[in-house]
Amino acid sequence: AILESGFGWLPFWMKRMEDQVHYMGYVAEDLQHTMEEYMTGGRFFAAVVLHEGPDMVKMVSDFMGDHVLMFGSDFPHAESRFPDSVDLVLGWDQLDDDDKRRLFWDNPAACFRWD
């Protein structure tokens, strides 16, 4: 999981790594999966950063699947907007209830293997 570096860059790096594996495949001969499979197959998670906003959440989720992103408060850092960060994300009208459930429960539960 990547919890403190944003998430808008994920699609770019996924495609960049795919290109590098294709271009320099000899350095990745032992990989069992494609970069896309590694990043979208339930092995990789990233925390939502508030300044990237709901439109970026939708774009990255459309590109990589809705099971990659999860909420992270970034507390105690200054940009965390604690204690209002949860309410801010819950107020994003661009996300429906299923999107919010995935951000706040389903995806963190999968990431941390909560049963």
PDB file of N, CA and C in Angstrom:
ATOM      1  N   ALA A   1       0.842  -1.183   0.000  1.00  0.00           N
ATOM      2  CA  ALA A   1       0.000   0.000   0.000  1.00  0.00           C
ATOM      3  C   ALA A   1       0.881   1.238   0.000  1.00  0.00           C
ATOM      4  N   ILE A   2       0.431   2.224  -0.734  1.00  0.00           N
ATOM      5  CA  ILE A   2       1.069   3.539  -0.742  1.00  0.00           C
ATOM      6  C   ILE A   2       0.075   4.485  -0.093  1.00  0.00           C
ATOM      7  N   LEU A   3       0.454   5.073   1.024  1.00  0.00           N
ATOM      8  CA  LEU A   3      -0.519   5.807   1.813  1.00  0.00           C
ATOM      9  C   LEU A   3      -0.268   7.304   1.901  1.00  0.00           C
ATOM     10  N   GLU A   4       0.827   7.811   1.387  1.00  0.00           N
ATOM     11  CA  GLU A   4       1.119   9.229   1.592  1.00  0.00           C
ATOM     12  C   GLU A   4       1.628   9.945   0.355  1.00  0.00           C
ATOM     13  N   SER A   5       1.390   9.448  -0.813  1.00  0.00           N
ATOM     14  CA  SER A   5       1.968  10.105  -1.989  1.00  0.00           C
ATOM     15  C   SER A   5       0.946  10.422  -3.062  1.00  0.00           C
ATOM     16  N   GLY A   6      -0.308  10.432  -2.711  1.00  0.00           N
ATOM     17  CA  GLY A   6      -1.324  10.704  -3.713  1.00  0.00           C
ATOM     18  C   GLY A   6      -1.584   9.484  -4.568  1.00  0.00           C
ATOM     19  N   PHE A   7      -2.406   9.682  -5.590  1.00  0.00           N
ATOM     20  CA  PHE A   7      -2.787   8.546  -6.418  1.00  0.00           C
ATOM     21  C   PHE A   7      -2.971   8.901  -7.885  1.00  0.00           C
ATOM     22  N   GLY A   8      -2.971  10.171  -8.232  1.00  0.00           N
ATOM     23  CA  GLY A   8      -3.203  10.582  -9.613  1.00  0.00           C
ATOM     24  C   GLY A   8      -2.137  10.095 -10.581  1.00  0.00           C
ATOM     25  N   TRP A   9      -0.978   9.784 -10.073  1.00  0.00           N
ATOM     26  CA  TRP A   9       0.138   9.326 -10.896  1.00  0.00           C
ATOM     27  C   TRP A   9       0.069   7.836 -11.219  1.00  0.00           C
ATOM     28  N   LEU A  10      -0.819   7.097 -10.567  1.00  0.00           N
ATOM     29  CA  LEU A  10      -0.849   5.637 -10.724  1.00  0.00           C
ATOM     30  C   LEU A  10      -1.052   5.171 -12.164  1.00  0.00           C
ATOM     31  N   PRO A  11      -2.032   5.706 -12.908  1.00  0.00           N
ATOM     32  CA  PRO A  11      -2.203   5.232 -14.288  1.00  0.00           C
ATOM     33  C   PRO A  11      -0.953   5.450 -15.139  1.00  0.00           C
ATOM     34  N   PHE A  12      -0.321   6.622 -14.981  1.00  0.00           N
ATOM     35  CA  PHE A  12       0.897   6.894 -15.745  1.00  0.00           C
ATOM     36  C   PHE A  12       1.967   5.854 -15.447  1.00  0.00           C
ATOM     37  N   TRP A  13       2.234   5.592 -14.173  1.00  0.00           N
ATOM     38  CA  TRP A  13       3.300   4.665 -13.830  1.00  0.00           C
ATOM     39  C   TRP A  13       2.971   3.226 -14.195  1.00  0.00           C
ATOM     40  N   MET A  14       1.710   2.856 -14.129  1.00  0.00           N
ATOM     41  CA  MET A  14       1.342   1.506 -14.547  1.00  0.00           C
ATOM     42  C   MET A  14       1.668   1.317 -16.028  1.00  0.00           C
ATOM     43  N   LYS A  15       1.274   2.284 -16.848  1.00  0.00           N
ATOM     44  CA  LYS A  15       1.559   2.192 -18.282  1.00  0.00           C
ATOM     45  C   LYS A  15       3.054   2.303 -18.556  1.00  0.00           C
ATOM     46  N   ARG A  16       3.747   3.141 -17.813  1.00  0.00           N
ATOM     47  CA  ARG A  16       5.194   3.290 -17.982  1.00  0.00           C
ATOM     48  C   ARG A  16       5.909   1.977 -17.668  1.00  0.00           C
ATOM     49  N   MET A  17       5.518   1.316 -16.584  1.00  0.00           N
ATOM     50  CA  MET A  17       6.145   0.038 -16.240  1.00  0.00           C
ATOM     51  C   MET A  17       5.820  -1.031 -17.274  1.00  0.00           C
ATOM     52  N   GLU A  18       4.595  -1.038 -17.783  1.00  0.00           N
ATOM     53  CA  GLU A  18       4.251  -1.989 -18.846  1.00  0.00           C
ATOM     54  C   GLU A  18       5.144  -1.777 -20.057  1.00  0.00           C
ATOM     55  N   ASP A  19       5.356  -0.514 -20.422  1.00  0.00           N
ATOM     56  CA  ASP A  19       6.212  -0.200 -21.563  1.00  0.00           C
ATOM     57  C   ASP A  19       7.646  -0.654 -21.307  1.00  0.00           C
ATOM     58  N   GLN A  20       8.156  -0.433 -20.116  1.00  0.00           N
ATOM     59  CA  GLN A  20       9.525  -0.822 -19.804  1.00  0.00           C
ATOM     60  C   GLN A  20       9.702  -2.334 -19.818  1.00  0.00           C
ATOM     61  N   VAL A  21       8.717  -3.059 -19.327  1.00  0.00           N
ATOM     62  CA  VAL A  21       8.795  -4.520 -19.373  1.00  0.00           C
ATOM     63  C   VAL A  21       8.799  -4.993 -20.821  1.00  0.00           C
ATOM     64  N   HIS A  22       7.989  -4.360 -21.661  1.00  0.00           N
ATOM     65  CA  HIS A  22       7.968  -4.724 -23.081  1.00  0.00           C
ATOM     66  C   HIS A  22       9.299  -4.367 -23.742  1.00  0.00           C
ATOM     67  N   TYR A  23       9.806  -3.176 -23.454  1.00  0.00           N
ATOM     68  CA  TYR A  23      11.032  -2.683 -24.069  1.00  0.00           C
ATOM     69  C   TYR A  23      12.266  -3.413 -23.550  1.00  0.00           C
ATOM     70  N   MET A  24      12.293  -3.696 -22.259  1.00  0.00           N
ATOM     71  CA  MET A  24      13.453  -4.319 -21.636  1.00  0.00           C
ATOM     72  C   MET A  24      13.037  -5.601 -20.933  1.00  0.00           C
ATOM     73  N   GLY A  25      12.301  -6.431 -21.618  1.00  0.00           N
ATOM     74  CA  GLY A  25      11.748  -7.641 -21.036  1.00  0.00           C
ATOM     75  C   GLY A  25      12.762  -8.567 -20.412  1.00  0.00           C
ATOM     76  N   TYR A  26      13.976  -8.510 -20.866  1.00  0.00           N
ATOM     77  CA  TYR A  26      15.005  -9.401 -20.336  1.00  0.00           C
ATOM     78  C   TYR A  26      15.272  -9.151 -18.850  1.00  0.00           C
ATOM     79  N   VAL A  27      14.955  -7.962 -18.349  1.00  0.00           N
ATOM     80  CA  VAL A  27      15.173  -7.696 -16.922  1.00  0.00           C
ATOM     81  C   VAL A  27      13.982  -8.144 -16.081  1.00  0.00           C
ATOM     82  N   ALA A  28      12.915  -8.559 -16.746  1.00  0.00           N
ATOM     83  CA  ALA A  28      11.703  -8.951 -16.024  1.00  0.00           C
ATOM     84  C   ALA A  28      11.210 -10.318 -16.471  1.00  0.00           C
ATOM     85  N   GLU A  29      12.120 -11.166 -16.892  1.00  0.00           N
ATOM     86  CA  GLU A  29      11.726 -12.472 -17.422  1.00  0.00           C
ATOM     87  C   GLU A  29      11.001 -13.336 -16.405  1.00  0.00           C
ATOM     88  N   ASP A  30      11.279 -13.140 -15.125  1.00  0.00           N
ATOM     89  CA  ASP A  30      10.692 -13.993 -14.095  1.00  0.00           C
ATOM     90  C   ASP A  30       9.348 -13.496 -13.565  1.00  0.00           C
ATOM     91  N   LEU A  31       8.862 -12.377 -14.086  1.00  0.00           N
ATOM     92  CA  LEU A  31       7.562 -11.880 -13.632  1.00  0.00           C
ATOM     93  C   LEU A  31       6.468 -12.866 -14.023  1.00  0.00           C
ATOM     94  N   GLN A  32       5.589 -13.135 -13.088  1.00  0.00           N
ATOM     95  CA  GLN A  32       4.493 -14.062 -13.348  1.00  0.00           C
ATOM     96  C   GLN A  32       3.245 -13.360 -13.858  1.00  0.00           C
ATOM     97  N   HIS A  33       3.201 -12.025 -13.736  1.00  0.00           N
ATOM     98  CA  HIS A  33       2.024 -11.265 -14.135  1.00  0.00           C
ATOM     99  C   HIS A  33       2.460 -10.008 -14.874  1.00  0.00           C
ATOM    100  N   THR A  34       1.524  -9.394 -15.571  1.00  0.00           N
ATOM    101  CA  THR A  34       1.794  -8.100 -16.191  1.00  0.00           C
ATOM    102  C   THR A  34       1.757  -7.020 -15.112  1.00  0.00           C
ATOM    103  N   MET A  35       2.294  -5.848 -15.423  1.00  0.00           N
ATOM    104  CA  MET A  35       2.236  -4.740 -14.472  1.00  0.00           C
ATOM    105  C   MET A  35       0.791  -4.389 -14.141  1.00  0.00           C
ATOM    106  N   GLU A  36      -0.069  -4.422 -15.143  1.00  0.00           N
ATOM    107  CA  GLU A  36      -1.483  -4.139 -14.900  1.00  0.00           C
ATOM    108  C   GLU A  36      -2.073  -5.149 -13.917  1.00  0.00           C
ATOM    109  N   GLU A  37      -1.735  -6.417 -14.090  1.00  0.00           N
ATOM    110  CA  GLU A  37      -2.243  -7.441 -13.168  1.00  0.00           C
ATOM    111  C   GLU A  37      -1.717  -7.225 -11.747  1.00  0.00           C
ATOM    112  N   TYR A  38      -0.445  -6.837 -11.629  1.00  0.00           N
ATOM    113  CA  TYR A  38       0.094  -6.565 -10.297  1.00  0.00           C
ATOM    114  C   TYR A  38      -0.623  -5.396  -9.637  1.00  0.00           C
ATOM    115  N   MET A  39      -0.902  -4.346 -10.409  1.00  0.00           N
ATOM    116  CA  MET A  39      -1.461  -3.130  -9.823  1.00  0.00           C
ATOM    117  C   MET A  39      -2.977  -3.140  -9.701  1.00  0.00           C
ATOM    118  N   THR A  40      -3.658  -4.001 -10.418  1.00  0.00           N
ATOM    119  CA  THR A  40      -5.124  -3.999 -10.362  1.00  0.00           C
ATOM    120  C   THR A  40      -5.691  -5.316  -9.850  1.00  0.00           C
ATOM    121  N   GLY A  41      -4.851  -6.271  -9.537  1.00  0.00           N
ATOM    122  CA  GLY A  41      -5.320  -7.594  -9.155  1.00  0.00           C
ATOM    123  C   GLY A  41      -5.438  -7.841  -7.666  1.00  0.00           C
ATOM    124  N   GLY A  42      -5.643  -6.795  -6.872  1.00  0.00           N
ATOM    125  CA  GLY A  42      -5.813  -6.971  -5.439  1.00  0.00           C
ATOM    126  C   GLY A  42      -4.522  -7.045  -4.654  1.00  0.00           C
ATOM    127  N   ARG A  43      -3.411  -6.706  -5.286  1.00  0.00           N
ATOM    128  CA  ARG A  43      -2.113  -6.734  -4.608  1.00  0.00           C
ATOM    129  C   ARG A  43      -1.636  -5.342  -4.219  1.00  0.00           C
ATOM    130  N   PHE A  44      -2.283  -4.305  -4.747  1.00  0.00           N
ATOM    131  CA  PHE A  44      -1.791  -2.938  -4.639  1.00  0.00           C
ATOM    132  C   PHE A  44      -2.920  -2.011  -4.215  1.00  0.00           C
ATOM    133  N   PHE A  45      -2.630  -1.124  -3.276  1.00  0.00           N
ATOM    134  CA  PHE A  45      -3.618  -0.175  -2.779  1.00  0.00           C
ATOM    135  C   PHE A  45      -2.958   1.186  -2.597  1.00  0.00           C
ATOM    136  N   ALA A  46      -3.736   2.243  -2.764  1.00  0.00           N
ATOM    137  CA  ALA A  46      -3.235   3.602  -2.555  1.00  0.00           C
ATOM    138  C   ALA A  46      -4.295   4.426  -1.841  1.00  0.00           C
ATOM    139  N   ALA A  47      -3.838   5.332  -0.994  1.00  0.00           N
ATOM    140  CA  ALA A  47      -4.760   6.172  -0.230  1.00  0.00           C
ATOM    141  C   ALA A  47      -5.145   7.413  -1.023  1.00  0.00           C
ATOM    142  N   VAL A  48      -6.388   7.802  -0.866  1.00  0.00           N
ATOM    143  CA  VAL A  48      -6.913   9.020  -1.470  1.00  0.00           C
ATOM    144  C   VAL A  48      -6.319  10.221  -0.747  1.00  0.00           C
ATOM    145  N   VAL A  49      -5.862  11.196  -1.521  1.00  0.00           N
ATOM    146  CA  VAL A  49      -5.373  12.456  -0.974  1.00  0.00           C
ATOM    147  C   VAL A  49      -6.416  13.517  -1.308  1.00  0.00           C
ATOM    148  N   LEU A  50      -6.843  14.274  -0.314  1.00  0.00           N
ATOM    149  CA  LEU A  50      -7.976  15.182  -0.482  1.00  0.00           C
ATOM    150  C   LEU A  50      -7.800  16.179  -1.615  1.00  0.00           C
ATOM    151  N   HIS A  51      -6.608  16.738  -1.786  1.00  0.00           N
ATOM    152  CA  HIS A  51      -6.460  17.774  -2.812  1.00  0.00           C
ATOM    153  C   HIS A  51      -6.607  17.227  -4.227  1.00  0.00           C
ATOM    154  N   GLU A  52      -6.508  15.925  -4.436  1.00  0.00           N
ATOM    155  CA  GLU A  52      -6.724  15.368  -5.776  1.00  0.00           C
ATOM    156  C   GLU A  52      -8.211  15.238  -6.084  1.00  0.00           C
ATOM    157  N   GLY A  53      -9.032  15.155  -5.073  1.00  0.00           N
ATOM    158  CA  GLY A  53     -10.469  15.293  -5.219  1.00  0.00           C
ATOM    159  C   GLY A  53     -11.231  14.142  -5.841  1.00  0.00           C
ATOM    160  N   PRO A  54     -12.569  14.282  -5.864  1.00  0.00           N
ATOM    161  CA  PRO A  54     -13.445  13.209  -6.321  1.00  0.00           C
ATOM    162  C   PRO A  54     -13.345  12.919  -7.815  1.00  0.00           C
ATOM    163  N   ASP A  55     -13.081  13.928  -8.629  1.00  0.00           N
ATOM    164  CA  ASP A  55     -12.958  13.667 -10.066  1.00  0.00           C
ATOM    165  C   ASP A  55     -11.770  12.762 -10.358  1.00  0.00           C
ATOM    166  N   MET A  56     -10.670  12.979  -9.637  1.00  0.00           N
ATOM    167  CA  MET A  56      -9.492  12.128  -9.811  1.00  0.00           C
ATOM    168  C   MET A  56      -9.769  10.726  -9.286  1.00  0.00           C
ATOM    169  N   VAL A  57     -10.529  10.607  -8.196  1.00  0.00           N
ATOM    170  CA  VAL A  57     -10.914   9.282  -7.692  1.00  0.00           C
ATOM    171  C   VAL A  57     -11.665   8.528  -8.777  1.00  0.00           C
ATOM    172  N   LYS A  58     -12.621   9.182  -9.421  1.00  0.00           N
ATOM    173  CA  LYS A  58     -13.408   8.529 -10.475  1.00  0.00           C
ATOM    174  C   LYS A  58     -12.514   8.144 -11.654  1.00  0.00           C
ATOM    175  N   MET A  59     -11.629   9.047 -12.074  1.00  0.00           N
ATOM    176  CA  MET A  59     -10.764   8.784 -13.226  1.00  0.00           C
ATOM    177  C   MET A  59      -9.841   7.596 -12.962  1.00  0.00           C
ATOM    178  N   VAL A  60      -9.182   7.589 -11.811  1.00  0.00           N
ATOM    179  CA  VAL A  60      -8.256   6.496 -11.492  1.00  0.00           C
ATOM    180  C   VAL A  60      -9.027   5.191 -11.311  1.00  0.00           C
ATOM    181  N   SER A  61     -10.190   5.255 -10.682  1.00  0.00           N
ATOM    182  CA  SER A  61     -11.004   4.044 -10.502  1.00  0.00           C
ATOM    183  C   SER A  61     -11.499   3.503 -11.835  1.00  0.00           C
ATOM    184  N   ASP A  62     -11.887   4.385 -12.747  1.00  0.00           N
ATOM    185  CA  ASP A  62     -12.304   3.936 -14.078  1.00  0.00           C
ATOM    186  C   ASP A  62     -11.150   3.278 -14.819  1.00  0.00           C
ATOM    187  N   PHE A  63      -9.949   3.793 -14.633  1.00  0.00           N
ATOM    188  CA  PHE A  63      -8.778   3.290 -15.353  1.00  0.00           C
ATOM    189  C   PHE A  63      -8.229   2.005 -14.741  1.00  0.00           C
ATOM    190  N   MET A  64      -8.193   1.948 -13.405  1.00  0.00           N
ATOM    191  CA  MET A  64      -7.514   0.844 -12.730  1.00  0.00           C
ATOM    192  C   MET A  64      -8.456  -0.114 -12.007  1.00  0.00           C
ATOM    193  N   GLY A  65      -9.710   0.238 -11.921  1.00  0.00           N
ATOM    194  CA  GLY A  65     -10.664  -0.569 -11.176  1.00  0.00           C
ATOM    195  C   GLY A  65     -10.995   0.091  -9.851  1.00  0.00           C
ATOM    196  N   ASP A  66     -12.149  -0.239  -9.315  1.00  0.00           N
ATOM    197  CA  ASP A  66     -12.624   0.437  -8.108  1.00  0.00           C
ATOM    198  C   ASP A  66     -12.155  -0.215  -6.812  1.00  0.00           C
ATOM    199  N   HIS A  67     -11.204  -1.106  -6.899  1.00  0.00           N
ATOM    200  CA  HIS A  67     -10.714  -1.820  -5.715  1.00  0.00           C
ATOM    201  C   HIS A  67      -9.281  -1.441  -5.342  1.00  0.00           C
ATOM    202  N   VAL A  68      -8.757  -0.355  -5.920  1.00  0.00           N
ATOM    203  CA  VAL A  68      -7.371   0.046  -5.671  1.00  0.00           C
ATOM    204  C   VAL A  68      -7.273   1.160  -4.621  1.00  0.00           C
ATOM    205  N   LEU A  69      -8.195   2.114  -4.649  1.00  0.00           N
ATOM    206  CA  LEU A  69      -8.099   3.287  -3.778  1.00  0.00           C
ATOM    207  C   LEU A  69      -8.815   3.068  -2.454  1.00  0.00           C
ATOM    208  N   MET A  70      -8.298   3.718  -1.413  1.00  0.00           N
ATOM    209  CA  MET A  70      -8.932   3.679  -0.100  1.00  0.00           C
ATOM    210  C   MET A  70      -8.700   5.010   0.602  1.00  0.00           C
ATOM    211  N   PHE A  71      -9.533   5.299   1.579  1.00  0.00           N
ATOM    212  CA  PHE A  71      -9.391   6.535   2.339  1.00  0.00           C
ATOM    213  C   PHE A  71      -8.212   6.430   3.290  1.00  0.00           C
ATOM    214  N   GLY A  72      -7.481   7.528   3.399  1.00  0.00           N
ATOM    215  CA  GLY A  72      -6.437   7.667   4.396  1.00  0.00           C
ATOM    216  C   GLY A  72      -6.459   9.096   4.908  1.00  0.00           C
ATOM    217  N   SER A  73      -6.507   9.290   6.198  1.00  0.00           N
ATOM    218  CA  SER A  73      -6.666  10.636   6.759  1.00  0.00           C
ATOM    219  C   SER A  73      -5.394  11.473   6.672  1.00  0.00           C
ATOM    220  N   ASP A  74      -4.242  10.844   6.571  1.00  0.00           N
ATOM    221  CA  ASP A  74      -2.937  11.498   6.573  1.00  0.00           C
ATOM    222  C   ASP A  74      -2.645  12.186   7.906  1.00  0.00           C
ATOM    223  N   PHE A  75      -3.399  11.850   8.930  1.00  0.00           N
ATOM    224  CA  PHE A  75      -3.140  12.394  10.261  1.00  0.00           C
ATOM    225  C   PHE A  75      -1.820  11.845  10.782  1.00  0.00           C
ATOM    226  N   PRO A  76      -0.969  12.600  11.393  1.00  0.00           N
ATOM    227  CA  PRO A  76      -1.104  13.938  11.937  1.00  0.00           C
ATOM    228  C   PRO A  76      -0.481  15.027  11.072  1.00  0.00           C
ATOM    229  N   HIS A  77      -0.260  14.772   9.806  1.00  0.00           N
ATOM    230  CA  HIS A  77       0.353  15.790   8.956  1.00  0.00           C
ATOM    231  C   HIS A  77      -0.568  16.987   8.770  1.00  0.00           C
ATOM    232  N   ALA A  78       0.017  18.143   8.528  1.00  0.00           N
ATOM    233  CA  ALA A  78      -0.740  19.397   8.447  1.00  0.00           C
ATOM    234  C   ALA A  78      -1.801  19.371   7.356  1.00  0.00           C
ATOM    235  N   GLU A  79      -1.535  18.697   6.248  1.00  0.00           N
ATOM    236  CA  GLU A  79      -2.511  18.685   5.151  1.00  0.00           C
ATOM    237  C   GLU A  79      -3.648  17.693   5.366  1.00  0.00           C
ATOM    238  N   SER A  80      -3.681  17.022   6.499  1.00  0.00           N
ATOM    239  CA  SER A  80      -4.685  15.984   6.726  1.00  0.00           C
ATOM    240  C   SER A  80      -6.095  16.528   6.894  1.00  0.00           C
ATOM    241  N   ARG A  81      -6.244  17.778   7.245  1.00  0.00           N
ATOM    242  CA  ARG A  81      -7.547  18.414   7.479  1.00  0.00           C
ATOM    243  C   ARG A  81      -8.330  17.724   8.595  1.00  0.00           C
ATOM    244  N   PHE A  82      -7.601  17.026   9.450  1.00  0.00           N
ATOM    245  CA  PHE A  82      -8.203  16.417  10.623  1.00  0.00           C
ATOM    246  C   PHE A  82      -8.784  17.515  11.504  1.00  0.00           C
ATOM    247  N   PRO A  83      -9.956  17.356  12.062  1.00  0.00           N
ATOM    248  CA  PRO A  83     -10.787  16.158  12.113  1.00  0.00           C
ATOM    249  C   PRO A  83     -11.884  16.115  11.044  1.00  0.00           C
ATOM    250  N   ASP A  84     -11.781  16.930  10.012  1.00  0.00           N
ATOM    251  CA  ASP A  84     -12.864  17.055   9.028  1.00  0.00           C
ATOM    252  C   ASP A  84     -12.709  16.178   7.794  1.00  0.00           C
ATOM    253  N   SER A  85     -11.613  15.454   7.670  1.00  0.00           N
ATOM    254  CA  SER A  85     -11.322  14.756   6.413  1.00  0.00           C
ATOM    255  C   SER A  85     -12.371  13.715   6.043  1.00  0.00           C
ATOM    256  N   VAL A  86     -12.868  12.963   6.998  1.00  0.00           N
ATOM    257  CA  VAL A  86     -13.894  11.954   6.689  1.00  0.00           C
ATOM    258  C   VAL A  86     -15.145  12.630   6.145  1.00  0.00           C
ATOM    259  N   ASP A  87     -15.598  13.678   6.819  1.00  0.00           N
ATOM    260  CA  ASP A  87     -16.802  14.379   6.366  1.00  0.00           C
ATOM    261  C   ASP A  87     -16.608  15.017   4.997  1.00  0.00           C
ATOM    262  N   LEU A  88     -15.403  15.509   4.717  1.00  0.00           N
ATOM    263  CA  LEU A  88     -15.140  16.092   3.399  1.00  0.00           C
ATOM    264  C   LEU A  88     -15.329  15.054   2.300  1.00  0.00           C
ATOM    265  N   VAL A  89     -14.764  13.866   2.481  1.00  0.00           N
ATOM    266  CA  VAL A  89     -14.888  12.816   1.460  1.00  0.00           C
ATOM    267  C   VAL A  89     -16.325  12.312   1.382  1.00  0.00           C
ATOM    268  N   LEU A  90     -16.980  12.145   2.513  1.00  0.00           N
ATOM    269  CA  LEU A  90     -18.383  11.719   2.491  1.00  0.00           C
ATOM    270  C   LEU A  90     -19.261  12.740   1.774  1.00  0.00           C
ATOM    271  N   GLY A  91     -18.841  13.989   1.740  1.00  0.00           N
ATOM    272  CA  GLY A  91     -19.590  15.037   1.063  1.00  0.00           C
ATOM    273  C   GLY A  91     -19.327  15.151  -0.426  1.00  0.00           C
ATOM    274  N   TRP A  92     -18.424  14.346  -0.965  1.00  0.00           N
ATOM    275  CA  TRP A  92     -18.153  14.393  -2.404  1.00  0.00           C
ATOM    276  C   TRP A  92     -19.341  13.794  -3.154  1.00  0.00           C
ATOM    277  N   ASP A  93     -20.170  14.638  -3.721  1.00  0.00           N
ATOM    278  CA  ASP A  93     -21.386  14.191  -4.409  1.00  0.00           C
ATOM    279  C   ASP A  93     -21.100  13.396  -5.679  1.00  0.00           C
ATOM    280  N   GLN A  94     -19.912  13.543  -6.242  1.00  0.00           N
ATOM    281  CA  GLN A  94     -19.558  12.801  -7.457  1.00  0.00           C
ATOM    282  C   GLN A  94     -19.416  11.303  -7.192  1.00  0.00           C
ATOM    283  N   LEU A  95     -19.250  10.928  -5.928  1.00  0.00           N
ATOM    284  CA  LEU A  95     -19.111   9.521  -5.569  1.00  0.00           C
ATOM    285  C   LEU A  95     -20.431   9.018  -5.012  1.00  0.00           C
ATOM    286  N   ASP A  96     -20.835   7.825  -5.445  1.00  0.00           N
ATOM    287  CA  ASP A  96     -22.072   7.259  -4.902  1.00  0.00           C
ATOM    288  C   ASP A  96     -21.758   6.464  -3.625  1.00  0.00           C
ATOM    289  N   ASP A  97     -22.798   5.925  -3.011  1.00  0.00           N
ATOM    290  CA  ASP A  97     -22.620   5.201  -1.748  1.00  0.00           C
ATOM    291  C   ASP A  97     -21.711   3.988  -1.898  1.00  0.00           C
ATOM    292  N   ASP A  98     -21.780   3.299  -3.039  1.00  0.00           N
ATOM    293  CA  ASP A  98     -20.903   2.145  -3.262  1.00  0.00           C
ATOM    294  C   ASP A  98     -19.443   2.580  -3.350  1.00  0.00           C
ATOM    295  N   ASP A  99     -19.181   3.699  -4.042  1.00  0.00           N
ATOM    296  CA  ASP A  99     -17.814   4.223  -4.121  1.00  0.00           C
ATOM    297  C   ASP A  99     -17.281   4.516  -2.722  1.00  0.00           C
ATOM    298  N   LYS A 100     -18.092   5.173  -1.915  1.00  0.00           N
ATOM    299  CA  LYS A 100     -17.661   5.550  -0.567  1.00  0.00           C
ATOM    300  C   LYS A 100     -17.463   4.320   0.317  1.00  0.00           C
ATOM    301  N   ARG A 101     -18.323   3.313   0.173  1.00  0.00           N
ATOM    302  CA  ARG A 101     -18.150   2.077   0.944  1.00  0.00           C
ATOM    303  C   ARG A 101     -16.821   1.413   0.586  1.00  0.00           C
ATOM    304  N   ARG A 102     -16.484   1.406  -0.702  1.00  0.00           N
ATOM    305  CA  ARG A 102     -15.207   0.816  -1.108  1.00  0.00           C
ATOM    306  C   ARG A 102     -14.032   1.613  -0.535  1.00  0.00           C
ATOM    307  N   LEU A 103     -14.101   2.949  -0.585  1.00  0.00           N
ATOM    308  CA  LEU A 103     -13.010   3.776  -0.068  1.00  0.00           C
ATOM    309  C   LEU A 103     -12.819   3.612   1.434  1.00  0.00           C
ATOM    310  N   PHE A 104     -13.926   3.543   2.168  1.00  0.00           N
ATOM    311  CA  PHE A 104     -13.846   3.543   3.625  1.00  0.00           C
ATOM    312  C   PHE A 104     -13.820   2.157   4.251  1.00  0.00           C
ATOM    313  N   TRP A 105     -14.312   1.130   3.549  1.00  0.00           N
ATOM    314  CA  TRP A 105     -14.340  -0.186   4.181  1.00  0.00           C
ATOM    315  C   TRP A 105     -13.797  -1.297   3.291  1.00  0.00           C
ATOM    316  N   ASP A 106     -14.398  -1.543   2.157  1.00  0.00           N
ATOM    317  CA  ASP A 106     -14.053  -2.729   1.367  1.00  0.00           C
ATOM    318  C   ASP A 106     -12.572  -2.773   1.010  1.00  0.00           C
ATOM    319  N   ASN A 107     -12.047  -1.684   0.467  1.00  0.00           N
ATOM    320  CA  ASN A 107     -10.655  -1.693   0.026  1.00  0.00           C
ATOM    321  C   ASN A 107      -9.665  -1.702   1.188  1.00  0.00           C
ATOM    322  N   PRO A 108      -9.872  -0.903   2.259  1.00  0.00           N
ATOM    323  CA  PRO A 108      -8.971  -1.047   3.412  1.00  0.00           C
ATOM    324  C   PRO A 108      -9.031  -2.449   4.025  1.00  0.00           C
ATOM    325  N   ALA A 109     -10.224  -3.032   4.084  1.00  0.00           N
ATOM    326  CA  ALA A 109     -10.350  -4.387   4.640  1.00  0.00           C
ATOM    327  C   ALA A 109      -9.559  -5.382   3.807  1.00  0.00           C
ATOM    328  N   ALA A 110      -9.609  -5.247   2.491  1.00  0.00           N
ATOM    329  CA  ALA A 110      -8.834  -6.138   1.620  1.00  0.00           C
ATOM    330  C   ALA A 110      -7.338  -5.881   1.782  1.00  0.00           C
ATOM    331  N   CYS A 111      -6.946  -4.620   1.834  1.00  0.00           N
ATOM    332  CA  CYS A 111      -5.531  -4.272   1.957  1.00  0.00           C
ATOM    333  C   CYS A 111      -4.921  -4.841   3.232  1.00  0.00           C
ATOM    334  N   PHE A 112      -5.612  -4.653   4.340  1.00  0.00           N
ATOM    335  CA  PHE A 112      -5.072  -5.071   5.636  1.00  0.00           C
ATOM    336  C   PHE A 112      -5.539  -6.458   6.059  1.00  0.00           C
ATOM    337  N   ARG A 113      -6.262  -7.117   5.149  1.00  0.00           N
ATOM    338  CA  ARG A 113      -6.737  -8.491   5.353  1.00  0.00           C
ATOM    339  C   ARG A 113      -7.571  -8.630   6.622  1.00  0.00           C
ATOM    340  N   TRP A 114      -8.511  -7.682   6.789  1.00  0.00           N
ATOM    341  CA  TRP A 114      -9.456  -7.773   7.897  1.00  0.00           C
ATOM    342  C   TRP A 114     -10.555  -8.726   7.494  1.00  0.00           C
ATOM    343  N   ASP A 115     -10.890  -9.630   8.328  1.00  0.00           N
ATOM    344  CA  ASP A 115     -11.980 -10.566   8.041  1.00  0.00           C
ATOM    345  C   ASP A 115     -13.241 -10.154   8.739  1.00  0.00           C
TER     346      ASP A 115
END
